[in-house]
Amino acid sequence: MFRKQKIHLLTDDDEILILMNLLGIEGTLLETSNTFLDKFNELTEDSWISILIISMNLPNDIIEEIIDFKLNNTKPFIFVMPDLFEEIDEKSIILKKVYKQANKLLP
């Protein structure tokens, strides 16, 4: 039997949550990044979740954990939405970390 896969949003912005809800995407509003890892771990263990969208500013240690998860797991697909109002220099923090890890894997 076919199982319907879900997309889930983790955000600290109620407007983004409402927008995604209007598109049919479920989400969780997190007040602080302190509760992020607990919810992230809960959702990544849920076999029904196929895509996890993250739209919030997170400290570097949590970004490292997300990157580590992405490098070692294929499901769920993790998409980190960029902050549209962030300075360009700061925007590439995650990309810089991904490139650094990719260079370790590729000769």
N, C-alpha and C. Protein backbone atom coordinates (compact mmCIF):
# COMPACT_ATOMS: atom_id res chain seq x y z
N MET A 1 0.84 -1.18 0.00
CA MET A 1 0.00 0.00 0.00
C MET A 1 0.89 1.25 0.00
N PHE A 2 0.49 2.24 -0.73
CA PHE A 2 1.24 3.49 -0.86
C PHE A 2 1.07 4.34 0.40
N ARG A 3 2.20 4.80 0.94
CA ARG A 3 2.15 5.69 2.10
C ARG A 3 2.38 7.12 1.64
N LYS A 4 1.55 8.01 2.12
CA LYS A 4 1.72 9.42 1.78
C LYS A 4 2.83 10.01 2.64
N GLN A 5 3.87 10.48 1.99
CA GLN A 5 4.99 11.09 2.70
C GLN A 5 4.63 12.54 3.05
N LYS A 6 5.24 13.04 4.12
CA LYS A 6 4.92 14.38 4.59
C LYS A 6 6.12 15.31 4.49
N ILE A 7 5.81 16.58 4.39
CA ILE A 7 6.80 17.66 4.48
C ILE A 7 6.50 18.37 5.80
N HIS A 8 7.56 18.70 6.53
CA HIS A 8 7.37 19.39 7.81
C HIS A 8 8.32 20.58 7.89
N LEU A 9 7.85 21.65 8.49
CA LEU A 9 8.62 22.89 8.64
C LEU A 9 8.95 23.13 10.10
N LEU A 10 10.21 23.46 10.37
CA LEU A 10 10.63 23.94 11.69
C LEU A 10 11.00 25.41 11.53
N THR A 11 10.33 26.28 12.28
CA THR A 11 10.56 27.71 12.13
C THR A 11 10.37 28.45 13.45
N ASP A 12 10.93 29.64 13.49
CA ASP A 12 10.68 30.53 14.63
C ASP A 12 9.87 31.75 14.18
N ASP A 13 9.35 31.70 12.96
CA ASP A 13 8.62 32.81 12.37
C ASP A 13 7.18 32.38 12.10
N ASP A 14 6.24 32.97 12.84
CA ASP A 14 4.84 32.57 12.69
C ASP A 14 4.27 32.90 11.31
N GLU A 15 4.78 33.93 10.64
CA GLU A 15 4.29 34.27 9.30
C GLU A 15 4.68 33.20 8.28
N ILE A 16 5.90 32.69 8.37
CA ILE A 16 6.33 31.62 7.46
C ILE A 16 5.52 30.36 7.74
N LEU A 17 5.25 30.09 9.02
CA LEU A 17 4.44 28.92 9.37
C LEU A 17 3.04 29.03 8.75
N ILE A 18 2.41 30.19 8.86
CA ILE A 18 1.08 30.39 8.28
C ILE A 18 1.13 30.23 6.76
N LEU A 19 2.12 30.81 6.11
CA LEU A 19 2.27 30.69 4.67
C LEU A 19 2.39 29.22 4.25
N MET A 20 3.25 28.48 4.93
CA MET A 20 3.44 27.07 4.59
C MET A 20 2.18 26.26 4.88
N ASN A 21 1.47 26.59 5.96
CA ASN A 21 0.21 25.92 6.26
C ASN A 21 -0.81 26.13 5.14
N LEU A 22 -0.83 27.34 4.57
CA LEU A 22 -1.74 27.62 3.45
C LEU A 22 -1.38 26.78 2.23
N LEU A 23 -0.10 26.39 2.13
CA LEU A 23 0.34 25.54 1.02
C LEU A 23 0.17 24.05 1.33
N GLY A 24 -0.35 23.74 2.53
CA GLY A 24 -0.58 22.36 2.91
C GLY A 24 0.60 21.70 3.61
N ILE A 25 1.56 22.49 4.04
CA ILE A 25 2.74 21.95 4.72
C ILE A 25 2.58 22.15 6.22
N GLU A 26 2.69 21.05 6.97
CA GLU A 26 2.60 21.13 8.42
C GLU A 26 3.89 21.73 8.97
N GLY A 27 3.79 22.31 10.15
CA GLY A 27 4.98 22.90 10.73
C GLY A 27 4.90 23.01 12.23
N THR A 28 6.06 23.31 12.80
CA THR A 28 6.18 23.51 14.24
C THR A 28 6.83 24.86 14.47
N LEU A 29 6.21 25.67 15.32
CA LEU A 29 6.76 26.96 15.69
C LEU A 29 7.59 26.78 16.95
N LEU A 30 8.88 27.08 16.84
CA LEU A 30 9.79 26.96 17.97
C LEU A 30 10.15 28.35 18.47
N GLU A 31 10.01 28.55 19.76
CA GLU A 31 10.30 29.86 20.35
C GLU A 31 11.79 30.17 20.36
N THR A 32 12.61 29.15 20.65
CA THR A 32 14.06 29.34 20.71
C THR A 32 14.78 28.18 20.04
N SER A 33 16.05 28.36 19.77
CA SER A 33 16.83 27.28 19.17
C SER A 33 17.15 26.19 20.19
N ASN A 34 16.91 26.44 21.48
CA ASN A 34 17.18 25.43 22.52
C ASN A 34 16.32 24.19 22.34
N THR A 35 15.11 24.35 21.85
CA THR A 35 14.21 23.21 21.67
C THR A 35 14.34 22.59 20.28
N PHE A 36 15.16 23.20 19.44
CA PHE A 36 15.27 22.76 18.05
C PHE A 36 15.74 21.31 17.93
N LEU A 37 16.83 20.94 18.60
CA LEU A 37 17.40 19.60 18.42
C LEU A 37 16.45 18.49 18.85
N ASP A 38 15.70 18.71 19.92
CA ASP A 38 14.73 17.69 20.35
C ASP A 38 13.69 17.45 19.27
N LYS A 39 13.14 18.52 18.72
CA LYS A 39 12.12 18.39 17.68
C LYS A 39 12.73 17.85 16.39
N PHE A 40 13.95 18.30 16.05
CA PHE A 40 14.64 17.81 14.86
C PHE A 40 14.84 16.30 14.95
N ASN A 41 15.33 15.81 16.08
CA ASN A 41 15.55 14.38 16.26
C ASN A 41 14.24 13.60 16.20
N GLU A 42 13.20 14.14 16.79
CA GLU A 42 11.89 13.49 16.75
C GLU A 42 11.39 13.35 15.31
N LEU A 43 11.51 14.41 14.52
CA LEU A 43 11.01 14.40 13.14
C LEU A 43 11.88 13.54 12.22
N THR A 44 13.19 13.51 12.42
CA THR A 44 14.05 12.71 11.55
C THR A 44 13.88 11.22 11.80
N GLU A 45 13.34 10.85 12.96
CA GLU A 45 13.06 9.45 13.25
C GLU A 45 11.70 9.01 12.72
N ASP A 46 10.86 9.96 12.35
CA ASP A 46 9.52 9.66 11.83
C ASP A 46 9.63 9.24 10.36
N SER A 47 9.29 8.00 10.06
CA SER A 47 9.44 7.48 8.69
C SER A 47 8.46 8.13 7.70
N TRP A 48 7.45 8.82 8.18
CA TRP A 48 6.49 9.48 7.30
C TRP A 48 7.02 10.80 6.76
N ILE A 49 8.01 11.38 7.43
CA ILE A 49 8.57 12.67 7.01
C ILE A 49 9.61 12.42 5.92
N SER A 50 9.36 12.97 4.73
CA SER A 50 10.32 12.81 3.63
C SER A 50 11.14 14.07 3.38
N ILE A 51 10.59 15.23 3.75
CA ILE A 51 11.31 16.50 3.61
C ILE A 51 11.12 17.31 4.89
N LEU A 52 12.24 17.82 5.39
CA LEU A 52 12.21 18.67 6.57
C LEU A 52 12.78 20.02 6.17
N ILE A 53 11.96 21.07 6.31
CA ILE A 53 12.37 22.43 5.96
C ILE A 53 12.70 23.16 7.25
N ILE A 54 13.86 23.79 7.27
CA ILE A 54 14.28 24.55 8.45
C ILE A 54 14.36 26.02 8.07
N SER A 55 13.64 26.85 8.80
CA SER A 55 13.63 28.29 8.53
C SER A 55 13.79 29.04 9.84
N MET A 56 15.01 29.05 10.35
CA MET A 56 15.29 29.79 11.57
C MET A 56 16.78 29.99 11.73
N ASN A 57 17.15 31.05 12.44
CA ASN A 57 18.56 31.29 12.73
C ASN A 57 19.00 30.33 13.82
N LEU A 58 20.09 29.63 13.56
CA LEU A 58 20.57 28.63 14.50
C LEU A 58 22.04 28.89 14.82
N PRO A 59 22.46 28.51 16.03
CA PRO A 59 23.88 28.66 16.36
C PRO A 59 24.73 27.66 15.57
N ASN A 60 26.02 27.95 15.48
CA ASN A 60 26.92 27.12 14.67
C ASN A 60 26.97 25.66 15.11
N ASP A 61 26.87 25.38 16.40
CA ASP A 61 26.93 23.98 16.84
C ASP A 61 25.74 23.18 16.32
N ILE A 62 24.58 23.81 16.24
CA ILE A 62 23.41 23.11 15.69
C ILE A 62 23.54 22.97 14.18
N ILE A 63 24.07 23.98 13.51
CA ILE A 63 24.31 23.89 12.07
C ILE A 63 25.26 22.74 11.77
N GLU A 64 26.28 22.57 12.60
CA GLU A 64 27.22 21.44 12.44
C GLU A 64 26.49 20.11 12.54
N GLU A 65 25.56 20.00 13.49
CA GLU A 65 24.80 18.75 13.64
C GLU A 65 23.90 18.50 12.43
N ILE A 66 23.30 19.55 11.89
CA ILE A 66 22.46 19.39 10.70
C ILE A 66 23.31 18.91 9.52
N ILE A 67 24.47 19.51 9.34
CA ILE A 67 25.36 19.11 8.24
C ILE A 67 25.82 17.68 8.42
N ASP A 68 26.16 17.31 9.64
CA ASP A 68 26.56 15.93 9.93
C ASP A 68 25.43 14.97 9.59
N PHE A 69 24.21 15.33 9.96
CA PHE A 69 23.05 14.50 9.63
C PHE A 69 22.89 14.36 8.12
N LYS A 70 23.00 15.49 7.40
CA LYS A 70 22.85 15.46 5.94
C LYS A 70 23.91 14.61 5.26
N LEU A 71 25.13 14.62 5.80
CA LEU A 71 26.21 13.84 5.20
C LEU A 71 26.06 12.34 5.44
N ASN A 72 25.37 11.97 6.51
CA ASN A 72 25.28 10.57 6.90
C ASN A 72 23.91 9.94 6.68
N ASN A 73 22.94 10.69 6.21
CA ASN A 73 21.58 10.17 6.03
C ASN A 73 21.00 10.70 4.72
N THR A 74 20.21 9.86 4.09
CA THR A 74 19.55 10.30 2.86
C THR A 74 18.10 10.71 3.10
N LYS A 75 17.51 10.24 4.17
CA LYS A 75 16.12 10.58 4.48
C LYS A 75 16.03 11.04 5.91
N PRO A 76 15.23 12.02 6.19
CA PRO A 76 14.52 12.85 5.24
C PRO A 76 15.47 13.86 4.59
N PHE A 77 15.03 14.39 3.46
CA PHE A 77 15.79 15.45 2.81
C PHE A 77 15.66 16.70 3.68
N ILE A 78 16.79 17.32 3.98
CA ILE A 78 16.80 18.52 4.82
C ILE A 78 17.06 19.74 3.93
N PHE A 79 16.14 20.71 4.00
CA PHE A 79 16.32 21.95 3.25
C PHE A 79 16.35 23.10 4.24
N VAL A 80 17.42 23.87 4.23
CA VAL A 80 17.53 25.04 5.10
C VAL A 80 17.21 26.27 4.26
N MET A 81 16.10 26.92 4.60
CA MET A 81 15.68 28.13 3.88
C MET A 81 16.57 29.29 4.27
N PRO A 82 17.12 30.00 3.30
CA PRO A 82 17.94 31.17 3.65
C PRO A 82 17.08 32.31 4.16
N ASP A 83 17.66 33.12 5.00
CA ASP A 83 16.99 34.32 5.49
C ASP A 83 17.12 35.40 4.43
N LEU A 84 16.02 35.86 3.90
CA LEU A 84 16.03 36.83 2.82
C LEU A 84 16.56 38.19 3.24
N PHE A 85 16.56 38.47 4.54
CA PHE A 85 16.97 39.78 5.02
C PHE A 85 18.36 39.76 5.63
N GLU A 86 19.07 38.67 5.47
CA GLU A 86 20.40 38.52 6.02
C GLU A 86 21.44 39.16 5.09
N GLU A 87 22.52 39.64 5.64
CA GLU A 87 23.60 40.20 4.83
C GLU A 87 24.19 39.10 3.95
N ILE A 88 24.63 39.45 2.75
CA ILE A 88 25.16 38.48 1.80
C ILE A 88 26.34 37.71 2.37
N ASP A 89 27.24 38.38 3.07
CA ASP A 89 28.41 37.70 3.62
C ASP A 89 28.02 36.62 4.62
N GLU A 90 26.97 36.83 5.38
CA GLU A 90 26.54 35.87 6.38
C GLU A 90 25.70 34.75 5.77
N LYS A 91 25.17 34.96 4.58
CA LYS A 91 24.24 34.03 3.98
C LYS A 91 24.86 32.68 3.67
N SER A 92 26.16 32.63 3.46
CA SER A 92 26.78 31.41 2.99
C SER A 92 27.40 30.56 4.10
N ILE A 93 27.02 30.77 5.35
CA ILE A 93 27.59 30.00 6.45
C ILE A 93 27.40 28.51 6.21
N ILE A 94 26.19 28.10 5.89
CA ILE A 94 25.93 26.67 5.67
C ILE A 94 26.64 26.19 4.42
N LEU A 95 26.60 26.96 3.34
CA LEU A 95 27.28 26.54 2.11
C LEU A 95 28.77 26.38 2.33
N LYS A 96 29.38 27.28 3.08
CA LYS A 96 30.81 27.16 3.37
C LYS A 96 31.11 25.86 4.09
N LYS A 97 30.27 25.49 5.03
CA LYS A 97 30.48 24.25 5.78
C LYS A 97 30.27 23.03 4.89
N VAL A 98 29.28 23.08 4.01
CA VAL A 98 29.04 21.96 3.09
C VAL A 98 30.21 21.80 2.14
N TYR A 99 30.71 22.90 1.57
CA TYR A 99 31.87 22.82 0.66
C TYR A 99 33.09 22.28 1.38
N LYS A 100 33.28 22.68 2.61
CA LYS A 100 34.42 22.19 3.39
C LYS A 100 34.33 20.67 3.57
N GLN A 101 33.13 20.17 3.87
CA GLN A 101 32.95 18.73 4.04
C GLN A 101 33.10 18.01 2.70
N ALA A 102 32.58 18.60 1.63
CA ALA A 102 32.69 17.97 0.31
C ALA A 102 34.14 17.85 -0.12
N ASN A 103 34.94 18.86 0.19
CA ASN A 103 36.36 18.80 -0.16
C ASN A 103 37.09 17.69 0.58
N LYS A 104 36.61 17.34 1.77
CA LYS A 104 37.20 16.22 2.50
C LYS A 104 36.88 14.89 1.82
N LEU A 105 35.71 14.81 1.19
CA LEU A 105 35.26 13.56 0.57
C LEU A 105 35.80 13.37 -0.83
N LEU A 106 36.00 14.49 -1.54
CA LEU A 106 36.44 14.41 -2.93
C LEU A 106 37.94 14.70 -3.03
N PRO A 107 38.64 13.92 -3.87
CA PRO A 107 40.09 14.16 -4.01
C PRO A 107 40.39 15.43 -4.78
